[in-house]
Structures are given as C-alpha cells and as structure tokens.
Amino acid sequence: MLARLELSGPQRRLPTVHAGVDVHGDGSTAPFLGRIRRRAIDQDAGEDPVAALRRALSQTWGIVSHMMRGASSILRTMLRPIGYLAFVIALAALSIAAKALGDRDELGYFTDRLAKTIWRYPEVTRRGVQIAWLVWALAFLIALPPLDPLATPWDEAVLGAVALAVLWRRTVAGHRAER
C-alpha cells in the first residue's frame, strides 16, 4: 500500500462513520468502510473509488443518522429538565450577584440589567421555574418523616421558608412595586 486517505465524522469526538481509500503501489485503489474492521466496497462498472465511497456512505449514513437522531432525542428529553433547572439557578445567581455588587459597580449594573431583562420574559423562564418548583416538591416529599434522611425537622422548615419567601416576593412585594 502506497497511501491511505481516511475520513471520519461527522462528529469531531467519537465519530460514527469511518471510511477511506487505499492507494496501492501499482496505482490501483480500494475504497473501504470502517476503521478497525475494514470492509471493502465493491465498485460498480465504470465507477471510480470516490463515487463508490460516496454511494456506500450515503447508504450507511442514512441508517446511522436515523439511529443517532433517535438516541439523541431520547437523551435530550431526559436531560432537558436538568437544563431548565440549571438555567433558573444561573439566572438566580445572576440576580444575587447584581444585588451583592450594587448599581455603582459596573459589573453589578450590567448583571442587574441582564437579569431583569431575562426575568421580564416569562416564556423564557416559565419551564425552568416549573422544574424548580417540581424539584422543591420532590425535596419536600423526601424530607417528610417516612422518607426523611435527616432526623431533624429543620429540613422541612427550611424548605417551607424558601417556598414562603418566594411566594411572598412574587405576590406581596410584586404588588407593592406596582403602586
């Protein structure tokens, strides 16, 4: 073998498709699929190695992409609530940073404006807030006596106080700001 051209992709890490063309010393070429277990691709009459490789990849990639699409949609569905929760936590951290830094600091002023702008759009934050309340409800159910991993009643008190503080801020403090 004189030279080998190998292609892999479309992912950068852990590519799903490997293919290539071997160039032999006598000038003949042999297209193949696979990386470790190379499978030779049969060329049709009058077909060059690149066309044979293109034909084989289009057939293989159609099956692989369908399988990858299904697997990635299942994985995305499972991880989406975690993403929503992470978004709300990051937005809450942004709001806390704005309060801690204050308006006189440039970063505090910028984070305050950014947090207020994002919180202003409920269609952006709604799912994250719903997931956060669901996580709170699950934590509260786990904190109840039959399942409680801690023997103290303080975990229920803290979770209840967090819920009351959030509800107070959304109902009473929100109405006070409207006046």
Protein backbone atom coordinates (compact mmCIF):
# COMPACT_ATOMS: atom_id res chain seq x y z
CA MET A 1 0.00 0.00 0.00
CA LEU A 2 1.39 3.35 -1.03
CA ALA A 3 -1.05 5.74 0.65
CA ARG A 4 -4.30 5.80 2.59
CA LEU A 5 -6.95 8.51 2.72
CA GLU A 6 -9.21 8.19 5.77
CA LEU A 7 -12.32 10.20 6.56
CA SER A 8 -14.28 10.18 9.78
CA GLY A 9 -17.21 12.14 11.06
CA PRO A 10 -19.44 13.99 11.18
CA GLN A 11 -18.70 14.35 14.90
CA ARG A 12 -15.32 15.66 15.97
CA ARG A 13 -15.12 13.43 19.02
CA LEU A 14 -16.04 9.79 18.71
CA PRO A 15 -17.08 9.88 15.05
CA THR A 16 -19.70 7.36 14.00
CA VAL A 17 -18.56 6.86 10.40
CA HIS A 18 -15.09 5.87 9.18
CA ALA A 19 -14.24 5.41 5.51
CA GLY A 20 -11.36 5.82 3.14
CA VAL A 21 -9.46 4.84 0.02
CA ASP A 22 -6.25 2.78 -0.12
CA VAL A 23 -3.83 3.51 -2.96
CA HIS A 24 -1.65 0.51 -3.81
CA GLY A 25 1.86 0.56 -5.29
CA ASP A 26 0.62 -0.44 -8.73
CA GLY A 27 -1.74 2.57 -8.85
CA SER A 28 -4.92 0.62 -8.10
CA THR A 29 -7.33 1.94 -5.47
CA ALA A 30 -9.61 0.22 -3.00
CA PRO A 31 -12.36 2.12 -1.14
CA PHE A 32 -13.34 0.82 2.31
CA LEU A 33 -15.69 1.41 5.23
CA GLY A 34 -14.74 1.01 8.88
CA ARG A 35 -11.72 1.74 10.97
CA ILE A 36 -10.54 -1.42 12.68
CA ARG A 37 -12.60 -3.90 10.70
CA ARG A 38 -12.27 -2.51 7.19
CA ARG A 39 -14.91 -3.64 4.75
CA ALA A 40 -14.04 -3.32 1.08
CA ILE A 41 -16.60 -1.50 -1.05
CA ASP A 42 -17.47 -3.14 -4.36
CA GLN A 43 -17.20 -0.74 -7.27
CA ASP A 44 -19.82 -0.81 -9.98
CA ALA A 45 -18.70 -0.97 -13.61
CA GLY A 46 -17.18 2.37 -14.65
CA GLU A 47 -17.41 3.78 -11.11
CA ASP A 48 -14.39 5.50 -9.64
CA PRO A 49 -13.40 4.84 -5.97
CA VAL A 50 -14.67 8.22 -4.75
CA ALA A 51 -18.11 7.63 -6.31
CA ALA A 52 -18.25 4.15 -4.77
CA LEU A 53 -17.29 5.61 -1.41
CA ARG A 54 -19.93 8.34 -1.75
CA ARG A 55 -22.59 5.73 -2.62
CA ALA A 56 -21.66 3.49 0.32
CA LEU A 57 -21.56 6.41 2.76
CA SER A 58 -24.95 7.70 1.66
CA GLN A 59 -26.47 4.27 2.33
CA THR A 60 -24.61 3.79 5.64
CA TRP A 61 -25.07 7.33 6.87
CA GLY A 62 -28.83 7.19 6.29
CA ILE A 63 -29.15 4.28 8.73
CA VAL A 64 -26.64 5.70 11.23
CA SER A 65 -28.17 9.18 11.23
CA HIS A 66 -31.62 7.73 11.86
CA MET A 67 -30.31 5.75 14.82
CA MET A 68 -28.36 8.73 16.17
CA ARG A 69 -31.37 11.02 15.82
CA GLY A 70 -33.49 8.62 17.86
CA ALA A 71 -30.85 8.17 20.56
CA SER A 72 -30.10 11.88 20.80
CA SER A 73 -33.80 12.79 21.07
CA ILE A 74 -34.25 10.33 23.95
CA LEU A 75 -31.14 11.67 25.69
CA ARG A 76 -32.22 15.27 25.09
CA THR A 77 -35.67 14.52 26.53
CA MET A 78 -34.11 13.03 29.65
CA LEU A 79 -31.64 15.91 30.14
CA ARG A 80 -33.98 18.81 29.28
CA PRO A 81 -35.34 19.24 32.86
CA ILE A 82 -31.79 19.43 34.19
CA GLY A 83 -31.03 22.13 31.64
CA TYR A 84 -34.13 24.10 32.67
CA LEU A 85 -33.14 23.84 36.33
CA ALA A 86 -29.56 24.89 35.58
CA PHE A 87 -30.89 27.90 33.66
CA VAL A 88 -33.03 29.06 36.60
CA ILE A 89 -30.18 28.52 39.07
CA ALA A 90 -27.83 30.52 36.83
CA LEU A 91 -30.41 33.29 36.48
CA ALA A 92 -30.92 33.36 40.26
CA ALA A 93 -27.14 33.52 40.73
CA LEU A 94 -27.04 36.43 38.28
CA SER A 95 -29.71 38.24 40.28
CA ILE A 96 -27.88 37.60 43.56
CA ALA A 97 -24.62 38.85 42.03
CA ALA A 98 -26.39 42.03 40.91
CA LYS A 99 -27.69 42.65 44.42
CA ALA A 100 -24.32 41.90 46.03
CA LEU A 101 -22.32 44.14 43.69
CA GLY A 102 -24.81 47.00 43.64
CA ASP A 103 -25.57 49.57 40.94
CA ARG A 104 -22.41 51.60 41.49
CA ASP A 105 -20.17 48.79 40.31
CA GLU A 106 -20.06 48.36 36.52
CA LEU A 107 -20.46 44.61 36.71
CA GLY A 108 -23.30 44.94 39.23
CA TYR A 109 -25.12 47.41 36.98
CA PHE A 110 -24.66 45.14 33.96
CA THR A 111 -25.76 41.95 35.76
CA ASP A 112 -28.79 43.72 37.20
CA ARG A 113 -29.92 44.90 33.77
CA LEU A 114 -29.27 41.48 32.22
CA ALA A 115 -31.13 39.59 34.96
CA LYS A 116 -34.11 41.97 34.83
CA THR A 117 -34.25 41.70 31.05
CA ILE A 118 -34.32 37.90 31.12
CA TRP A 119 -36.82 37.71 34.02
CA ARG A 120 -39.11 40.07 32.07
CA TYR A 121 -39.87 37.34 29.51
CA PRO A 122 -41.97 34.60 31.15
CA GLU A 123 -41.92 32.43 28.04
CA VAL A 124 -38.17 32.08 28.53
CA THR A 125 -38.21 31.38 32.26
CA ARG A 126 -41.54 29.52 32.67
CA ARG A 127 -40.26 25.96 32.10
CA GLY A 128 -37.25 26.48 34.35
CA VAL A 129 -39.39 27.86 37.16
CA GLN A 130 -41.82 24.94 36.79
CA ILE A 131 -38.96 22.45 37.02
CA ALA A 132 -37.54 24.31 40.04
CA TRP A 133 -40.92 24.03 41.82
CA LEU A 134 -41.08 20.34 40.91
CA VAL A 135 -37.61 19.76 42.39
CA TRP A 136 -38.70 21.68 45.51
CA ALA A 137 -41.83 19.49 45.82
CA LEU A 138 -39.78 16.31 45.46
CA ALA A 139 -37.28 17.54 48.06
CA PHE A 140 -40.16 18.39 50.41
CA LEU A 141 -41.72 14.94 49.94
CA ILE A 142 -38.38 13.29 50.66
CA ALA A 143 -37.99 15.50 53.75
CA LEU A 144 -41.27 14.24 55.25
CA PRO A 145 -40.90 11.78 58.15
CA PRO A 146 -41.26 8.36 56.48
CA LEU A 147 -38.50 9.05 53.93
CA ASP A 148 -36.55 11.72 55.80
CA PRO A 149 -32.80 11.02 55.68
CA LEU A 150 -32.22 13.66 58.39
CA ALA A 151 -33.66 13.14 61.85
CA THR A 152 -34.31 16.86 62.44
CA PRO A 153 -37.41 18.83 61.49
CA TRP A 154 -35.25 21.70 60.20
CA ASP A 155 -35.10 20.45 56.63
CA GLU A 156 -38.90 20.77 56.33
CA ALA A 157 -38.74 24.19 57.98
CA VAL A 158 -36.04 25.43 55.59
CA LEU A 159 -37.89 24.14 52.51
CA GLY A 160 -41.12 25.71 53.75
CA ALA A 161 -39.36 29.02 54.44
CA VAL A 162 -37.87 29.04 50.94
CA ALA A 163 -41.30 28.48 49.40
CA LEU A 164 -42.89 31.18 51.56
CA ALA A 165 -40.12 33.66 50.73
CA VAL A 166 -40.51 33.07 47.00
CA LEU A 167 -44.31 33.29 47.19
CA TRP A 168 -44.10 36.44 49.34
CA ARG A 169 -41.75 38.09 46.87
CA ARG A 170 -43.95 37.17 43.90
CA THR A 171 -47.28 38.17 45.42
CA VAL A 172 -46.93 40.85 48.11
CA ALA A 173 -43.65 42.51 47.09
CA GLY A 174 -44.67 42.43 43.43
CA HIS A 175 -47.96 44.25 44.16
CA ARG A 176 -46.16 46.82 46.29
CA ALA A 177 -43.84 47.66 43.36
CA GLU A 178 -46.83 48.20 41.04
CA ARG A 179 -48.24 51.01 43.21
